[in-house]
Amino acid sequence: MLLDLDFDVSTDKLSPVDVPMETWLRLQQFVYREARLLDERRWEEWLALWTDDGMYWLPQQHGQASPYDHISLAWEDKMLREVRVRRVEHARNWSQQPPTHATRLVGNVSVDGTDAAGNLVVRAVFQMTEWRKRQTRQLAGDYIYKLAAEGSGWRIRMKRVNLVNCDAAHENLEIFI
């Protein structure tokens, strides 16, 4: 998956979609629930939100069009997300003594449309406060989700995290943003 050059990360050329208010409210709740699972370190439930081919992406440059042509802060498939969870939760992971704690404030949820594969493209802005090793760090930016319909809900096919300061030097990004 990491080198699957056919994985569509683009969020332009979307087809417009009319989203009824009830669906929009359910989409908001999906995004808020995802943030809560991360805040509460409920990793297994968070991992279950993803499609098997889902990708987690943190671009390293503003407006970065692809994870293939330029280095990214993260470009993770299912296996790498699971590895990160196992590492973060491992009892001998000294960088997580004490564990990182975080709270996300998420808002401005909007639907941009659907991509060529029919995934719903949803945006939200966030601010995250992280407490790790007696230090506080602030991260902010926007999320772009590609959500695949499943039953009466969705699963994450792609989550792009655009940090306001993506091109800065960062300390370890231990937990998911």
Protein backbone atom coordinates (compact mmCIF):
# COMPACT_ATOMS: atom_id res chain seq x y z
CA MET A 1 0.00 0.00 0.00
CA LEU A 2 2.73 2.50 0.84
CA LEU A 3 3.98 2.55 -2.73
CA ASP A 4 0.61 2.04 -4.43
CA LEU A 5 0.90 4.93 -6.84
CA ASP A 6 -2.70 4.35 -7.88
CA PHE A 7 -4.03 5.32 -4.42
CA ASP A 8 -5.95 8.53 -5.09
CA VAL A 9 -5.02 11.23 -2.58
CA SER A 10 -6.43 14.11 -4.61
CA THR A 11 -9.28 16.17 -3.28
CA ASP A 12 -9.85 18.33 -6.32
CA LYS A 13 -12.20 17.61 -9.22
CA LEU A 14 -14.89 16.44 -6.82
CA SER A 15 -18.48 15.85 -7.81
CA PRO A 16 -20.92 18.03 -5.90
CA VAL A 17 -23.18 16.19 -3.50
CA ASP A 18 -26.35 17.27 -1.75
CA VAL A 19 -26.13 16.14 1.86
CA PRO A 20 -29.37 16.12 3.84
CA MET A 21 -29.17 17.72 7.30
CA GLU A 22 -29.55 14.33 9.02
CA THR A 23 -26.58 12.91 7.08
CA TRP A 24 -24.49 16.01 7.77
CA LEU A 25 -25.20 15.67 11.50
CA ARG A 26 -24.19 11.99 11.36
CA LEU A 27 -20.97 12.97 9.56
CA GLN A 28 -20.20 15.50 12.29
CA GLN A 29 -20.75 12.83 14.93
CA PHE A 30 -18.43 10.46 13.03
CA VAL A 31 -15.64 13.07 12.99
CA TYR A 32 -16.20 13.97 16.66
CA ARG A 33 -16.22 10.29 17.65
CA GLU A 34 -12.93 9.71 15.83
CA ALA A 35 -11.35 12.59 17.80
CA ARG A 36 -12.75 11.26 21.07
CA LEU A 37 -11.36 7.78 20.44
CA LEU A 38 -7.92 9.32 19.90
CA ASP A 39 -8.26 11.55 23.00
CA GLU A 40 -9.19 8.55 25.12
CA ARG A 41 -6.47 6.33 23.64
CA ARG A 42 -9.07 3.82 22.50
CA TRP A 43 -6.76 2.64 19.74
CA GLU A 44 -8.49 -0.59 18.76
CA GLU A 45 -11.82 1.17 18.25
CA TRP A 46 -10.02 3.88 16.27
CA LEU A 47 -8.27 1.30 14.08
CA ALA A 48 -11.66 -0.29 13.38
CA LEU A 49 -12.86 2.97 11.77
CA TRP A 50 -10.54 2.40 8.80
CA THR A 51 -10.93 0.50 5.55
CA ASP A 52 -8.33 -2.22 5.04
CA ASP A 53 -6.62 -0.09 2.38
CA GLY A 54 -6.98 3.20 4.29
CA MET A 55 -4.07 5.63 4.45
CA TYR A 56 -3.10 8.15 7.16
CA TRP A 57 -1.18 11.11 5.72
CA LEU A 58 0.61 14.10 7.25
CA PRO A 59 2.12 16.18 4.43
CA GLN A 60 5.39 17.96 5.15
CA GLN A 61 4.66 20.94 2.88
CA HIS A 62 1.69 23.25 2.46
CA GLY A 63 -0.30 22.26 -0.60
CA GLN A 64 1.64 19.01 -1.03
CA ALA A 65 -0.13 17.14 -3.82
CA SER A 66 1.29 13.68 -3.25
CA PRO A 67 3.08 11.54 -0.67
CA TYR A 68 5.00 9.91 -3.53
CA ASP A 69 6.86 12.96 -4.86
CA HIS A 70 7.90 14.56 -1.57
CA ILE A 71 8.69 13.37 1.94
CA SER A 72 5.79 13.39 4.40
CA LEU A 73 5.69 13.52 8.18
CA ALA A 74 3.62 10.32 8.01
CA TRP A 75 2.25 8.07 5.27
CA GLU A 76 0.87 5.02 7.04
CA ASP A 77 -1.12 2.03 5.88
CA LYS A 78 -2.96 -0.41 8.14
CA MET A 79 0.18 -2.25 9.19
CA LEU A 80 2.06 0.92 10.16
CA ARG A 81 -0.92 2.30 12.10
CA GLU A 82 -1.09 -0.97 14.03
CA VAL A 83 2.68 -0.95 14.65
CA ARG A 84 2.47 2.60 16.01
CA VAL A 85 -0.36 1.63 18.36
CA ARG A 86 1.61 -1.37 19.65
CA ARG A 87 4.70 0.79 20.17
CA VAL A 88 2.81 3.56 21.96
CA GLU A 89 1.12 1.07 24.29
CA HIS A 90 4.17 -1.13 24.94
CA ALA A 91 5.18 -1.19 28.62
CA ARG A 92 8.85 -0.74 27.71
CA ASN A 93 8.30 2.32 25.54
CA TRP A 94 10.12 4.77 27.79
CA SER A 95 9.06 7.76 25.69
CA GLN A 96 5.51 7.02 26.88
CA GLN A 97 6.40 7.12 30.58
CA PRO A 98 4.21 8.90 31.51
CA PRO A 99 1.84 8.39 28.58
CA THR A 100 1.05 11.18 26.19
CA HIS A 101 -2.34 12.76 26.77
CA ALA A 102 -4.16 14.86 24.22
CA THR A 103 -7.42 16.67 23.65
CA ARG A 104 -8.72 17.74 20.27
CA LEU A 105 -11.16 20.50 19.52
CA VAL A 106 -12.78 19.79 16.15
CA GLY A 107 -15.17 22.02 14.23
CA ASN A 108 -16.23 23.55 10.92
CA VAL A 109 -17.16 20.14 9.54
CA SER A 110 -18.13 20.45 5.88
CA VAL A 111 -18.71 18.16 2.91
CA ASP A 112 -16.71 19.01 -0.23
CA GLY A 113 -18.22 16.35 -2.51
CA THR A 114 -17.36 12.88 -3.75
CA ASP A 115 -14.22 11.72 -5.53
CA ALA A 116 -14.05 9.53 -8.64
CA ALA A 117 -14.36 6.36 -6.52
CA GLY A 118 -17.48 7.64 -4.73
CA ASN A 119 -15.74 8.42 -1.44
CA LEU A 120 -17.27 11.30 0.48
CA VAL A 121 -14.69 14.08 1.03
CA VAL A 122 -15.20 15.78 4.39
CA ARG A 123 -13.17 18.59 5.96
CA ALA A 124 -12.83 19.78 9.53
CA VAL A 125 -10.48 22.07 11.42
CA PHE A 126 -8.80 21.06 14.65
CA GLN A 127 -6.72 22.26 17.52
CA MET A 128 -4.92 19.68 19.62
CA THR A 129 -3.28 20.13 22.99
CA GLU A 130 -0.79 17.41 23.83
CA TRP A 131 0.80 16.84 27.23
CA ARG A 132 3.93 14.71 27.20
CA LYS A 133 6.83 14.53 29.61
CA ARG A 134 5.54 17.52 31.58
CA GLN A 135 5.42 19.69 28.47
CA THR A 136 2.47 21.04 26.54
CA ARG A 137 2.43 21.25 22.77
CA GLN A 138 -0.19 22.88 20.55
CA LEU A 139 -0.94 21.55 17.08
CA ALA A 140 -3.56 22.93 14.72
CA GLY A 141 -4.68 22.57 11.15
CA ASP A 142 -7.33 20.84 9.15
CA TYR A 143 -8.39 17.29 8.46
CA ILE A 144 -9.46 16.02 5.07
CA TYR A 145 -11.22 12.68 5.15
CA LYS A 146 -12.15 10.37 2.32
CA LEU A 147 -14.97 8.29 3.73
CA ALA A 148 -16.17 5.08 2.14
CA ALA A 149 -19.82 4.24 2.67
CA GLU A 150 -20.41 1.07 4.67
CA GLY A 151 -23.90 0.03 5.65
CA SER A 152 -25.53 3.07 7.21
CA GLY A 153 -22.18 4.63 8.12
CA TRP A 154 -18.66 5.20 6.87
CA ARG A 155 -15.10 4.02 7.23
CA ILE A 156 -11.98 6.11 6.72
CA ARG A 157 -10.28 5.48 3.37
CA MET A 158 -7.88 8.39 3.84
CA LYS A 159 -7.19 10.93 6.53
CA ARG A 160 -5.00 13.84 5.58
CA VAL A 161 -3.78 16.03 8.44
CA ASN A 162 -2.63 19.46 7.23
CA LEU A 163 -0.69 21.01 10.11
CA VAL A 164 -0.47 24.79 10.17
CA ASN A 165 3.26 24.39 10.83
CA CYS A 166 3.84 21.25 8.76
CA ASP A 167 7.19 22.52 7.46
CA ALA A 168 8.60 23.22 10.95
CA ALA A 169 11.01 20.96 12.82
CA HIS A 170 8.86 18.76 15.08
CA GLU A 171 9.64 16.69 18.11
CA ASN A 172 8.41 13.11 17.86
CA LEU A 173 4.82 12.82 16.71
CA GLU A 174 4.19 9.78 18.90
CA ILE A 175 0.41 9.61 18.81
CA PHE A 176 -1.96 10.15 15.92
CA ILE A 177 -3.11 13.72 15.33
